[in-house]
Amino acid sequence: MIQNLYETHIQVKDLQVSIEFYMKLDLELSLVIAERKVAFFYIGEARQLLGIWEVPEGVEVRKNHFAFGTDIAQLKSAMEWLRERGIQPIQSFGKEPIEAIVHTWMPAAAIYFNDPDGNELEFISWLQDEPREIGYVPYLSEWNELNRMSKSMEDK
């Protein structure tokens, strides 16, 4: 029945600041309804939607988390790509943002960053490896080395 996540919405303090931020991520601005203080962006070829809603003054933004899918080649250069746009990757799972981390149970590599309102965003890419629970969240280079060593041991 369910084939994808078509649309998600978040709250922001300043609609214009958030529009500028999400445009830095190369999302396509599809509609702004000024009187409702909402903007919609298309994401990817499937044109999934991200709605951003400005909250009234004095109302606290309810922070959320969501991930943008990408391929592994793009993910490997995503930290530099973000920094070029003035966006700083953030620490995740106790790891400094020096390279992607791996959710080993999936497995997928990820990089985290925040929007101007503290919504936690993520770039994520599925990996071709088998899921493994190793008891911690490794950097992508550690994960690759663990898999290389595992395959080497299997070949013996």
N, C-alpha and C. Protein backbone atom coordinates (compact mmCIF):
# COMPACT_ATOMS: atom_id res chain seq x y z
N MET A 1 0.82 -1.19 0.00
CA MET A 1 0.00 0.00 0.00
C MET A 1 0.87 1.26 0.00
N ILE A 2 1.74 1.43 1.00
CA ILE A 2 2.57 2.64 1.07
C ILE A 2 3.80 2.46 0.20
N GLN A 3 4.05 3.45 -0.66
CA GLN A 3 5.19 3.38 -1.57
C GLN A 3 6.29 4.37 -1.25
N ASN A 4 5.96 5.45 -0.56
CA ASN A 4 6.98 6.43 -0.20
C ASN A 4 6.39 7.43 0.79
N LEU A 5 7.19 8.33 1.25
CA LEU A 5 6.72 9.45 2.07
C LEU A 5 6.54 10.62 1.11
N TYR A 6 5.32 11.02 0.88
CA TYR A 6 5.04 12.04 -0.13
C TYR A 6 5.30 13.45 0.37
N GLU A 7 5.02 13.70 1.63
CA GLU A 7 5.04 15.09 2.10
C GLU A 7 5.32 15.12 3.60
N THR A 8 6.06 16.12 4.03
CA THR A 8 6.27 16.35 5.46
C THR A 8 6.27 17.86 5.70
N HIS A 9 5.95 18.26 6.93
CA HIS A 9 5.87 19.68 7.28
C HIS A 9 6.65 19.95 8.56
N ILE A 10 7.23 21.13 8.61
CA ILE A 10 7.96 21.56 9.81
C ILE A 10 7.57 22.99 10.15
N GLN A 11 7.88 23.37 11.39
CA GLN A 11 7.65 24.74 11.84
C GLN A 11 8.97 25.52 11.82
N VAL A 12 8.85 26.82 11.53
CA VAL A 12 10.01 27.71 11.50
C VAL A 12 9.63 29.05 12.14
N LYS A 13 10.64 29.78 12.60
CA LYS A 13 10.41 31.10 13.19
C LYS A 13 10.24 32.19 12.14
N ASP A 14 11.07 32.12 11.08
CA ASP A 14 11.10 33.18 10.06
C ASP A 14 11.02 32.52 8.69
N LEU A 15 9.89 32.66 8.03
CA LEU A 15 9.67 32.00 6.75
C LEU A 15 10.73 32.36 5.72
N GLN A 16 11.07 33.65 5.60
CA GLN A 16 12.03 34.07 4.58
C GLN A 16 13.42 33.49 4.85
N VAL A 17 13.86 33.50 6.11
CA VAL A 17 15.17 32.92 6.46
C VAL A 17 15.18 31.44 6.09
N SER A 18 14.09 30.74 6.38
CA SER A 18 14.02 29.31 6.08
C SER A 18 13.95 29.04 4.59
N ILE A 19 13.24 29.87 3.85
CA ILE A 19 13.20 29.72 2.39
C ILE A 19 14.62 29.82 1.83
N GLU A 20 15.36 30.81 2.28
CA GLU A 20 16.74 30.99 1.81
C GLU A 20 17.59 29.78 2.18
N PHE A 21 17.43 29.24 3.39
CA PHE A 21 18.20 28.08 3.83
C PHE A 21 17.90 26.88 2.94
N TYR A 22 16.64 26.55 2.75
CA TYR A 22 16.29 25.36 1.97
C TYR A 22 16.63 25.52 0.50
N MET A 23 16.67 26.75 0.01
CA MET A 23 17.13 26.97 -1.36
C MET A 23 18.63 26.71 -1.46
N LYS A 24 19.40 26.95 -0.38
CA LYS A 24 20.83 26.61 -0.35
C LYS A 24 21.03 25.11 -0.52
N LEU A 25 20.05 24.33 -0.11
CA LEU A 25 20.11 22.87 -0.25
C LEU A 25 19.67 22.42 -1.65
N ASP A 26 19.44 23.39 -2.51
CA ASP A 26 19.02 23.14 -3.90
C ASP A 26 17.63 22.52 -4.01
N LEU A 27 16.79 22.76 -3.01
CA LEU A 27 15.39 22.33 -3.14
C LEU A 27 14.67 23.34 -4.02
N GLU A 28 13.69 22.87 -4.76
CA GLU A 28 12.96 23.73 -5.67
C GLU A 28 11.75 24.35 -4.96
N LEU A 29 11.75 25.67 -4.84
CA LEU A 29 10.62 26.38 -4.24
C LEU A 29 9.43 26.26 -5.18
N SER A 30 8.34 25.66 -4.70
CA SER A 30 7.20 25.44 -5.58
C SER A 30 6.04 26.39 -5.33
N LEU A 31 5.85 26.82 -4.07
CA LEU A 31 4.72 27.69 -3.77
C LEU A 31 4.97 28.42 -2.46
N VAL A 32 4.64 29.70 -2.42
CA VAL A 32 4.64 30.49 -1.19
C VAL A 32 3.24 31.08 -1.04
N ILE A 33 2.65 30.88 0.11
CA ILE A 33 1.35 31.50 0.41
C ILE A 33 1.61 32.47 1.56
N ALA A 34 1.89 33.72 1.20
CA ALA A 34 2.32 34.72 2.17
C ALA A 34 1.31 34.92 3.30
N GLU A 35 0.02 34.99 2.98
CA GLU A 35 -0.98 35.26 4.01
C GLU A 35 -1.11 34.11 5.01
N ARG A 36 -0.74 32.91 4.61
CA ARG A 36 -0.75 31.76 5.53
C ARG A 36 0.62 31.51 6.14
N LYS A 37 1.64 32.24 5.66
CA LYS A 37 3.03 32.11 6.12
C LYS A 37 3.53 30.67 5.97
N VAL A 38 3.39 30.16 4.74
CA VAL A 38 3.82 28.80 4.42
C VAL A 38 4.50 28.79 3.06
N ALA A 39 5.48 27.90 2.93
CA ALA A 39 6.15 27.69 1.65
C ALA A 39 6.29 26.18 1.45
N PHE A 40 6.27 25.78 0.17
CA PHE A 40 6.42 24.38 -0.18
C PHE A 40 7.60 24.22 -1.13
N PHE A 41 8.36 23.16 -0.92
CA PHE A 41 9.50 22.83 -1.78
C PHE A 41 9.30 21.45 -2.36
N TYR A 42 9.72 21.28 -3.62
CA TYR A 42 9.79 19.96 -4.23
C TYR A 42 11.13 19.34 -3.87
N ILE A 43 11.11 18.04 -3.63
CA ILE A 43 12.33 17.28 -3.33
C ILE A 43 12.47 16.18 -4.36
N GLY A 44 13.57 16.20 -5.11
CA GLY A 44 13.89 15.13 -6.04
C GLY A 44 12.96 15.02 -7.23
N GLU A 45 13.25 14.01 -8.05
CA GLU A 45 12.48 13.79 -9.28
C GLU A 45 11.05 13.38 -8.99
N ALA A 46 10.82 12.73 -7.86
CA ALA A 46 9.46 12.30 -7.50
C ALA A 46 8.62 13.47 -6.99
N ARG A 47 9.26 14.62 -6.80
CA ARG A 47 8.60 15.86 -6.37
C ARG A 47 7.84 15.67 -5.06
N GLN A 48 8.49 14.99 -4.12
CA GLN A 48 7.93 14.93 -2.79
C GLN A 48 7.95 16.33 -2.21
N LEU A 49 7.13 16.59 -1.22
CA LEU A 49 6.97 17.96 -0.73
C LEU A 49 7.47 18.14 0.69
N LEU A 50 8.11 19.28 0.90
CA LEU A 50 8.45 19.77 2.23
C LEU A 50 7.70 21.07 2.42
N GLY A 51 6.86 21.12 3.43
CA GLY A 51 6.15 22.36 3.77
C GLY A 51 6.79 22.99 4.99
N ILE A 52 7.04 24.28 4.92
CA ILE A 52 7.59 25.01 6.08
C ILE A 52 6.58 26.07 6.49
N TRP A 53 6.22 26.06 7.76
CA TRP A 53 5.18 26.94 8.30
C TRP A 53 5.77 27.84 9.36
N GLU A 54 5.61 29.14 9.18
CA GLU A 54 6.07 30.09 10.19
C GLU A 54 5.08 30.10 11.36
N VAL A 55 5.62 29.95 12.58
CA VAL A 55 4.77 29.99 13.76
C VAL A 55 4.56 31.45 14.17
N PRO A 56 3.44 31.75 14.82
CA PRO A 56 3.21 33.12 15.28
C PRO A 56 4.28 33.55 16.29
N GLU A 57 4.54 34.84 16.35
CA GLU A 57 5.51 35.38 17.30
C GLU A 57 5.13 34.95 18.71
N GLY A 58 6.13 34.52 19.46
CA GLY A 58 5.91 34.08 20.84
C GLY A 58 5.62 32.59 20.98
N VAL A 59 5.37 31.93 19.85
CA VAL A 59 5.13 30.48 19.87
C VAL A 59 6.46 29.77 19.61
N GLU A 60 6.76 28.78 20.44
CA GLU A 60 8.00 28.01 20.29
C GLU A 60 7.88 27.05 19.10
N VAL A 61 8.95 26.98 18.32
CA VAL A 61 9.00 26.05 17.18
C VAL A 61 9.10 24.62 17.72
N ARG A 62 8.25 23.74 17.24
CA ARG A 62 8.34 22.31 17.56
C ARG A 62 9.37 21.72 16.60
N LYS A 63 10.51 21.30 17.15
CA LYS A 63 11.61 20.80 16.32
C LYS A 63 11.36 19.36 15.89
N ASN A 64 11.77 19.06 14.66
CA ASN A 64 11.59 17.74 14.09
C ASN A 64 12.88 17.24 13.47
N HIS A 65 12.84 16.00 13.03
CA HIS A 65 13.97 15.38 12.32
C HIS A 65 13.44 14.71 11.06
N PHE A 66 14.18 14.86 9.97
CA PHE A 66 13.91 14.08 8.77
C PHE A 66 15.19 13.99 7.96
N ALA A 67 15.20 13.03 7.03
CA ALA A 67 16.40 12.76 6.25
C ALA A 67 16.13 12.91 4.76
N PHE A 68 17.13 13.43 4.07
CA PHE A 68 17.12 13.51 2.61
C PHE A 68 17.96 12.34 2.08
N GLY A 69 17.39 11.52 1.20
CA GLY A 69 18.15 10.43 0.62
C GLY A 69 19.09 10.93 -0.46
N THR A 70 20.24 10.29 -0.54
CA THR A 70 21.23 10.61 -1.56
C THR A 70 22.02 9.35 -1.87
N ASP A 71 22.89 9.40 -2.87
CA ASP A 71 23.72 8.23 -3.13
C ASP A 71 25.06 8.38 -2.41
N ILE A 72 25.77 7.29 -2.30
CA ILE A 72 26.99 7.28 -1.49
C ILE A 72 28.07 8.21 -2.04
N ALA A 73 28.18 8.33 -3.35
CA ALA A 73 29.18 9.23 -3.93
C ALA A 73 28.91 10.67 -3.51
N GLN A 74 27.65 11.08 -3.55
CA GLN A 74 27.32 12.44 -3.13
C GLN A 74 27.49 12.61 -1.62
N LEU A 75 27.14 11.58 -0.87
CA LEU A 75 27.27 11.67 0.58
C LEU A 75 28.72 11.89 0.99
N LYS A 76 29.64 11.26 0.29
CA LYS A 76 31.06 11.38 0.64
C LYS A 76 31.56 12.81 0.50
N SER A 77 30.93 13.62 -0.35
CA SER A 77 31.35 15.01 -0.50
C SER A 77 30.36 15.99 0.15
N ALA A 78 29.37 15.45 0.87
CA ALA A 78 28.30 16.29 1.42
C ALA A 78 28.77 17.27 2.49
N MET A 79 29.75 16.89 3.31
CA MET A 79 30.21 17.83 4.35
C MET A 79 30.82 19.07 3.72
N GLU A 80 31.65 18.87 2.73
CA GLU A 80 32.26 20.01 2.03
C GLU A 80 31.17 20.83 1.33
N TRP A 81 30.22 20.14 0.68
CA TRP A 81 29.11 20.80 -0.02
C TRP A 81 28.31 21.66 0.95
N LEU A 82 28.01 21.14 2.14
CA LEU A 82 27.29 21.92 3.15
C LEU A 82 28.10 23.14 3.58
N ARG A 83 29.36 22.92 3.91
CA ARG A 83 30.22 24.02 4.39
C ARG A 83 30.35 25.13 3.34
N GLU A 84 30.41 24.76 2.06
CA GLU A 84 30.46 25.76 0.99
C GLU A 84 29.22 26.65 1.01
N ARG A 85 28.13 26.16 1.55
CA ARG A 85 26.88 26.90 1.63
C ARG A 85 26.68 27.55 3.00
N GLY A 86 27.71 27.51 3.84
CA GLY A 86 27.63 28.12 5.16
C GLY A 86 26.84 27.29 6.17
N ILE A 87 26.70 26.00 5.92
CA ILE A 87 25.96 25.11 6.81
C ILE A 87 26.95 24.14 7.45
N GLN A 88 26.95 24.09 8.77
CA GLN A 88 27.91 23.24 9.48
C GLN A 88 27.31 21.89 9.83
N PRO A 89 27.96 20.80 9.42
CA PRO A 89 27.54 19.48 9.91
C PRO A 89 27.67 19.46 11.43
N ILE A 90 26.88 18.63 12.08
CA ILE A 90 26.88 18.58 13.55
C ILE A 90 27.30 17.19 14.04
N GLN A 91 27.68 17.15 15.30
CA GLN A 91 28.02 15.90 15.96
C GLN A 91 26.77 15.01 16.01
N SER A 92 26.99 13.72 15.84
CA SER A 92 25.87 12.77 15.96
C SER A 92 26.38 11.47 16.56
N PHE A 93 25.59 10.93 17.46
CA PHE A 93 25.92 9.67 18.13
C PHE A 93 27.32 9.72 18.75
N GLY A 94 27.68 10.91 19.28
CA GLY A 94 28.97 11.08 19.93
C GLY A 94 30.15 11.22 18.98
N LYS A 95 29.88 11.29 17.70
CA LYS A 95 30.94 11.39 16.69
C LYS A 95 31.04 12.81 16.17
N GLU A 96 32.27 13.32 16.13
CA GLU A 96 32.51 14.64 15.54
C GLU A 96 32.22 14.58 14.04
N PRO A 97 31.80 15.69 13.45
CA PRO A 97 31.46 15.69 12.02
C PRO A 97 32.69 15.78 11.12
N ILE A 98 33.47 14.70 11.12
CA ILE A 98 34.66 14.67 10.25
C ILE A 98 34.44 13.80 9.02
N GLU A 99 33.46 12.89 9.10
CA GLU A 99 33.04 12.09 7.96
C GLU A 99 31.69 11.48 8.32
N ALA A 100 31.07 10.83 7.35
CA ALA A 100 29.77 10.20 7.58
C ALA A 100 29.89 9.11 8.64
N ILE A 101 28.80 8.92 9.38
CA ILE A 101 28.70 7.81 10.33
C ILE A 101 27.83 6.73 9.70
N VAL A 102 27.81 5.53 10.29
CA VAL A 102 27.03 4.44 9.73
C VAL A 102 26.04 3.91 10.76
N HIS A 103 24.78 3.84 10.35
CA HIS A 103 23.76 3.14 11.12
C HIS A 103 23.88 1.68 10.69
N THR A 104 24.57 0.88 11.50
CA THR A 104 24.95 -0.47 11.08
C THR A 104 23.77 -1.42 10.95
N TRP A 105 22.68 -1.14 11.63
CA TRP A 105 21.52 -2.03 11.57
C TRP A 105 20.79 -1.94 10.24
N MET A 106 21.08 -0.90 9.44
CA MET A 106 20.37 -0.75 8.17
C MET A 106 21.09 -1.45 7.01
N PRO A 107 22.29 -1.32 6.67
CA PRO A 107 23.19 -0.23 7.02
C PRO A 107 23.03 0.96 6.06
N ALA A 108 23.28 2.13 6.62
CA ALA A 108 23.23 3.36 5.83
C ALA A 108 24.21 4.36 6.43
N ALA A 109 24.83 5.14 5.56
CA ALA A 109 25.75 6.19 6.00
C ALA A 109 24.99 7.50 6.08
N ALA A 110 25.37 8.35 7.06
CA ALA A 110 24.60 9.57 7.30
C ALA A 110 25.47 10.72 7.77
N ILE A 111 24.99 11.91 7.46
CA ILE A 111 25.57 13.17 7.94
C ILE A 111 24.42 14.02 8.45
N TYR A 112 24.62 14.62 9.61
CA TYR A 112 23.57 15.42 10.25
C TYR A 112 23.93 16.90 10.24
N PHE A 113 22.88 17.75 10.19
CA PHE A 113 23.04 19.20 10.26
C PHE A 113 21.70 19.78 10.68
N ASN A 114 21.70 21.03 11.10
CA ASN A 114 20.47 21.70 11.55
C ASN A 114 20.06 22.80 10.60
N ASP A 115 18.75 23.06 10.56
CA ASP A 115 18.28 24.25 9.85
C ASP A 115 18.34 25.42 10.84
N PRO A 116 17.99 26.64 10.43
CA PRO A 116 18.12 27.81 11.33
C PRO A 116 17.28 27.70 12.61
N ASP A 117 16.26 26.84 12.62
CA ASP A 117 15.40 26.70 13.80
C ASP A 117 15.73 25.49 14.65
N GLY A 118 16.79 24.78 14.31
CA GLY A 118 17.18 23.62 15.10
C GLY A 118 16.49 22.33 14.70
N ASN A 119 15.76 22.33 13.58
CA ASN A 119 15.25 21.06 13.06
C ASN A 119 16.47 20.25 12.63
N GLU A 120 16.54 18.99 13.07
CA GLU A 120 17.69 18.16 12.76
C GLU A 120 17.48 17.47 11.41
N LEU A 121 18.36 17.76 10.47
CA LEU A 121 18.27 17.23 9.13
C LEU A 121 19.40 16.23 8.91
N GLU A 122 19.21 15.38 7.94
CA GLU A 122 20.18 14.31 7.71
C GLU A 122 20.25 14.04 6.21
N PHE A 123 21.47 13.80 5.72
CA PHE A 123 21.67 13.20 4.42
C PHE A 123 21.96 11.73 4.70
N ILE A 124 21.29 10.83 3.98
CA ILE A 124 21.47 9.40 4.24
C ILE A 124 21.57 8.64 2.93
N SER A 125 22.41 7.61 2.94
CA SER A 125 22.60 6.78 1.76
C SER A 125 22.67 5.32 2.18
N TRP A 126 21.84 4.49 1.56
CA TRP A 126 21.89 3.05 1.82
C TRP A 126 23.24 2.52 1.38
N LEU A 127 23.75 1.57 2.14
CA LEU A 127 24.99 0.88 1.78
C LEU A 127 24.65 -0.51 1.27
N GLN A 128 25.51 -1.07 0.45
CA GLN A 128 25.27 -2.38 -0.15
C GLN A 128 25.67 -3.54 0.77
N ASP A 129 26.21 -3.23 1.93
CA ASP A 129 26.67 -4.26 2.86
C ASP A 129 25.50 -4.90 3.60
N GLU A 130 25.78 -6.00 4.26
CA GLU A 130 24.79 -6.65 5.11
C GLU A 130 24.72 -5.90 6.44
N PRO A 131 23.53 -5.80 7.03
CA PRO A 131 23.41 -5.18 8.36
C PRO A 131 24.20 -5.98 9.39
N ARG A 132 24.78 -5.26 10.34
CA ARG A 132 25.52 -5.90 11.44
C ARG A 132 25.38 -5.04 12.68
N GLU A 133 25.19 -5.67 13.80
CA GLU A 133 25.18 -4.92 15.06
C GLU A 133 26.57 -5.08 15.67
N ILE A 134 27.29 -3.99 15.78
CA ILE A 134 28.66 -4.05 16.29
C ILE A 134 28.80 -3.34 17.64
N GLY A 135 27.70 -2.79 18.15
CA GLY A 135 27.73 -2.20 19.48
C GLY A 135 28.08 -0.73 19.54
N TYR A 136 28.34 -0.12 18.40
CA TYR A 136 28.62 1.31 18.36
C TYR A 136 28.35 1.82 16.95
N VAL A 137 28.39 3.14 16.81
CA VAL A 137 28.17 3.78 15.51
C VAL A 137 29.54 4.18 14.96
N PRO A 138 30.01 3.50 13.92
CA PRO A 138 31.33 3.82 13.38
C PRO A 138 31.28 4.92 12.32
N TYR A 139 32.45 5.48 12.06
CA TYR A 139 32.59 6.33 10.88
C TYR A 139 32.53 5.41 9.65
N LEU A 140 32.21 5.99 8.51
CA LEU A 140 32.12 5.22 7.28
C LEU A 140 33.44 4.51 6.97
N SER A 141 34.57 5.18 7.18
CA SER A 141 35.86 4.53 6.89
C SER A 141 36.09 3.33 7.81
N GLU A 142 35.66 3.43 9.08
CA GLU A 142 35.77 2.28 10.00
C GLU A 142 34.89 1.13 9.52
N TRP A 143 33.67 1.45 9.13
CA TRP A 143 32.73 0.44 8.64
C TRP A 143 33.31 -0.27 7.42
N ASN A 144 33.85 0.50 6.49
CA ASN A 144 34.43 -0.09 5.29
C ASN A 144 35.60 -1.01 5.64
N GLU A 145 36.42 -0.60 6.60
CA GLU A 145 37.55 -1.42 7.02
C GLU A 145 37.06 -2.70 7.72
N LEU A 146 36.05 -2.60 8.57
CA LEU A 146 35.48 -3.79 9.20
C LEU A 146 34.96 -4.78 8.16
N ASN A 147 34.29 -4.28 7.16
CA ASN A 147 33.78 -5.14 6.10
C ASN A 147 34.89 -5.74 5.26
N ARG A 148 35.93 -4.95 4.99
CA ARG A 148 37.08 -5.45 4.24
C ARG A 148 37.75 -6.58 5.01
N MET A 149 37.94 -6.39 6.33
CA MET A 149 38.59 -7.41 7.16
C MET A 149 37.72 -8.67 7.23
N SER A 150 36.41 -8.49 7.36
CA SER A 150 35.47 -9.62 7.43
C SER A 150 35.53 -10.44 6.15
N LYS A 151 35.53 -9.77 5.02
CA LYS A 151 35.57 -10.48 3.74
C LYS A 151 36.91 -11.18 3.55
N SER A 152 37.96 -10.55 4.03
CA SER A 152 39.29 -11.15 3.95
C SER A 152 39.36 -12.44 4.77
N MET A 153 38.73 -12.42 5.96
CA MET A 153 38.71 -13.61 6.82
C MET A 153 37.86 -14.71 6.18
N GLU A 154 36.76 -14.35 5.51
CA GLU A 154 35.90 -15.33 4.85
C GLU A 154 36.61 -16.00 3.69
N ASP A 155 37.48 -15.25 3.01
CA ASP A 155 38.20 -15.78 1.85
C ASP A 155 39.29 -16.77 2.25
N LYS A 156 39.66 -16.78 3.51
CA LYS A 156 40.76 -17.67 3.95
C LYS A 156 40.25 -19.06 4.23
